[in-house]
Amino acid sequence: MGEDVETLKRRLPLLDYLREHNWASRPAGRSEFVGLCPLHDETRPSFYVNTRKDVFYCHGCGQGGDLIRFVQLSRRLSFRQSLACLDPQTSPEADPVEVLEQVAAFYQQQLDNYPEALSYLNQRGLYDRALIRNSRSVTPPAEVCAVISRHRAIPLIFCGKLACST
């Protein structure tokens, strides 16, 4: 895994990643660039990227590190989620129907634990408790599965990588 991480960081330099995400910077030396920190609001540039070391440091918020650390901080992801976000080939494919069933089970659990959620559904016009209870056993139409597979929306949400779908 360590070799894969280093290969990933070499393949995608921090400055290139930041520029892909519209980070505006100016040179601040031979191998440094400075700009506004993408991790917090500020009016004066304090976010430095050293291209020789491929690291960043913000003098405003005190955060620093490499590409993976930046993704962790900016998208509030774990180390593994950040790796999967940067290299989607490392994340396993999920079956859309299975994911929908797991999501439905989660929401069913929420309905069981929070009666106010059920009253909210009633306010929205869903009155049949049996329909709400049994809705997780309904398989979505093929066209829904095709859209989910094509856009990978549900797997991204399920895997905690919604932020990576940009």
Protein backbone atom coordinates (compact mmCIF):
# COMPACT_ATOMS: atom_id res chain seq x y z
CA MET A 1 0.00 0.00 0.00
CA GLY A 2 2.88 2.40 0.77
CA GLU A 3 4.26 2.07 -2.73
CA ASP A 4 0.82 2.72 -4.22
CA VAL A 5 0.47 5.91 -2.16
CA GLU A 6 3.83 7.23 -3.32
CA THR A 7 3.00 6.35 -6.94
CA LEU A 8 -0.31 8.17 -6.63
CA LYS A 9 1.36 11.29 -5.21
CA ARG A 10 3.98 11.26 -8.00
CA ARG A 11 1.30 10.83 -10.64
CA LEU A 12 -0.79 13.71 -9.29
CA PRO A 13 1.28 16.60 -7.89
CA LEU A 14 -0.38 18.79 -5.28
CA LEU A 15 -0.11 21.98 -7.36
CA ASP A 16 -1.76 20.29 -10.36
CA TYR A 17 -4.57 19.01 -8.14
CA LEU A 18 -5.15 22.47 -6.66
CA ARG A 19 -5.17 24.11 -10.08
CA GLU A 20 -7.68 21.52 -11.35
CA HIS A 21 -9.89 22.75 -8.51
CA ASN A 22 -9.43 26.42 -9.48
CA TRP A 23 -6.92 27.45 -6.85
CA ALA A 24 -5.46 30.81 -7.87
CA SER A 25 -1.83 31.33 -6.97
CA ARG A 26 1.24 33.33 -7.79
CA PRO A 27 4.92 32.41 -7.59
CA ALA A 28 6.53 33.09 -4.22
CA GLY A 29 10.05 31.88 -4.90
CA ARG A 30 11.82 29.25 -6.97
CA SER A 31 9.64 26.34 -6.04
CA GLU A 32 6.84 27.95 -4.04
CA PHE A 33 3.42 29.32 -4.85
CA VAL A 34 1.11 31.32 -2.59
CA GLY A 35 -2.64 31.93 -2.66
CA LEU A 36 -5.75 32.08 -0.54
CA CYS A 37 -6.25 29.06 1.65
CA PRO A 38 -8.96 26.71 0.34
CA LEU A 39 -9.43 25.33 3.86
CA HIS A 40 -10.78 28.51 5.45
CA ASP A 41 -11.98 32.01 4.56
CA GLU A 42 -9.30 34.66 4.37
CA THR A 43 -8.53 37.89 2.54
CA ARG A 44 -4.73 37.74 2.45
CA PRO A 45 -2.83 34.84 0.85
CA SER A 46 -1.26 32.57 3.45
CA PHE A 47 -1.43 29.16 1.74
CA TYR A 48 1.96 28.06 0.38
CA VAL A 49 2.70 25.11 -1.89
CA ASN A 50 6.26 23.88 -2.22
CA THR A 51 6.50 22.09 -5.57
CA ARG A 52 9.93 20.61 -4.86
CA LYS A 53 8.69 18.84 -1.71
CA ASP A 54 5.08 18.54 -2.98
CA VAL A 55 3.63 19.82 0.30
CA PHE A 56 1.48 22.71 1.50
CA TYR A 57 1.33 24.87 4.59
CA CYS A 58 -1.15 27.57 5.58
CA HIS A 59 0.13 30.23 7.95
CA GLY A 60 -3.47 31.28 8.64
CA CYS A 61 -4.93 28.02 9.93
CA GLY A 62 -1.69 26.14 10.62
CA GLN A 63 -2.60 23.13 8.49
CA GLY A 64 -0.01 21.46 6.31
CA GLY A 65 0.90 18.23 4.61
CA ASP A 66 0.85 16.44 1.28
CA LEU A 67 -1.86 15.87 -1.32
CA ILE A 68 -3.62 13.15 0.64
CA ARG A 69 -3.68 15.26 3.80
CA PHE A 70 -5.10 18.18 1.80
CA VAL A 71 -7.93 16.00 0.46
CA GLN A 72 -8.61 14.72 3.99
CA LEU A 73 -8.89 18.26 5.33
CA SER A 74 -10.73 19.88 2.44
CA ARG A 75 -13.32 17.14 2.00
CA ARG A 76 -13.42 15.87 5.60
CA LEU A 77 -12.50 12.32 4.60
CA SER A 78 -10.49 9.57 6.22
CA PHE A 79 -7.11 8.54 4.83
CA ARG A 80 -8.59 5.57 2.96
CA GLN A 81 -11.49 7.63 1.61
CA SER A 82 -9.02 10.24 0.39
CA LEU A 83 -7.04 7.56 -1.46
CA ALA A 84 -10.22 6.26 -3.07
CA CYS A 85 -11.22 9.80 -4.00
CA LEU A 86 -7.89 10.47 -5.68
CA ASP A 87 -7.67 7.05 -7.35
CA PRO A 88 -11.17 5.71 -8.03
CA GLN A 89 -9.74 2.49 -9.47
CA THR A 90 -8.79 1.43 -5.94
CA SER A 91 -12.38 1.53 -4.69
CA PRO A 92 -14.47 -1.57 -5.23
CA GLU A 93 -17.50 -1.36 -7.51
CA ALA A 94 -20.82 -1.70 -5.72
CA ASP A 95 -23.95 -3.36 -7.04
CA PRO A 96 -26.54 -0.54 -7.35
CA VAL A 97 -29.45 -2.73 -6.26
CA GLU A 98 -27.56 -3.95 -3.20
CA VAL A 99 -26.64 -0.37 -2.32
CA LEU A 100 -30.25 0.77 -2.64
CA GLU A 101 -31.34 -2.07 -0.37
CA GLN A 102 -28.77 -1.06 2.24
CA VAL A 103 -29.81 2.58 2.01
CA ALA A 104 -33.47 1.59 2.36
CA ALA A 105 -32.61 -0.53 5.41
CA PHE A 106 -30.82 2.41 6.97
CA TYR A 107 -33.78 4.73 6.46
CA GLN A 108 -36.17 2.07 7.71
CA GLN A 109 -34.09 1.89 10.89
CA GLN A 110 -34.33 5.67 11.18
CA LEU A 111 -38.12 5.45 10.88
CA ASP A 112 -38.18 2.85 13.64
CA ASN A 113 -35.98 4.95 15.94
CA TYR A 114 -37.44 8.41 15.26
CA PRO A 115 -41.25 8.67 15.23
CA GLU A 116 -41.00 12.29 14.10
CA ALA A 117 -39.59 11.03 10.78
CA LEU A 118 -42.72 8.97 10.24
CA SER A 119 -44.94 11.95 11.05
CA TYR A 120 -42.93 13.98 8.53
CA LEU A 121 -43.67 11.38 5.83
CA ASN A 122 -47.35 11.53 6.80
CA GLN A 123 -47.27 15.31 6.33
CA ARG A 124 -45.78 14.75 2.88
CA GLY A 125 -48.62 12.44 1.88
CA LEU A 126 -47.24 8.98 2.70
CA TYR A 127 -49.85 7.51 5.02
CA ASP A 128 -49.63 3.77 4.39
CA ARG A 129 -47.28 2.40 7.07
CA ALA A 130 -47.15 -1.02 5.36
CA LEU A 131 -46.00 0.59 2.11
CA ILE A 132 -43.30 2.51 3.95
CA ARG A 133 -42.20 -0.65 5.81
CA ASN A 134 -42.09 -2.85 2.70
CA SER A 135 -40.65 -0.34 0.28
CA ARG A 136 -37.14 -1.71 0.69
CA SER A 137 -38.09 -5.00 -0.95
CA VAL A 138 -39.01 -3.29 -4.21
CA THR A 139 -36.30 -3.60 -6.84
CA PRO A 140 -35.82 -0.39 -8.83
CA PRO A 141 -36.56 -0.43 -12.56
CA ALA A 142 -33.72 -1.31 -14.91
CA GLU A 143 -33.44 2.26 -16.17
CA VAL A 144 -32.87 3.54 -12.62
CA CYS A 145 -30.10 0.98 -12.13
CA ALA A 146 -28.57 2.03 -15.45
CA VAL A 147 -28.51 5.70 -14.42
CA ILE A 148 -27.04 4.81 -11.03
CA SER A 149 -24.34 2.67 -12.65
CA ARG A 150 -23.52 5.27 -15.27
CA HIS A 151 -23.19 8.16 -12.82
CA ARG A 152 -22.09 6.10 -9.82
CA ALA A 153 -24.21 8.39 -7.65
CA ILE A 154 -25.42 5.85 -5.13
CA PRO A 155 -22.06 4.06 -4.71
CA LEU A 156 -20.43 7.42 -4.12
CA ILE A 157 -22.96 8.33 -1.46
CA PHE A 158 -22.87 4.88 0.11
CA CYS A 159 -19.07 4.75 0.26
CA GLY A 160 -18.91 8.16 1.94
CA LYS A 161 -17.36 9.69 -1.15
CA LEU A 162 -20.08 12.08 -2.22
CA ALA A 163 -17.54 14.88 -2.25
CA CYS A 164 -15.53 12.98 -4.86
CA SER A 165 -18.27 13.12 -7.44
CA THR A 166 -17.26 16.60 -8.62
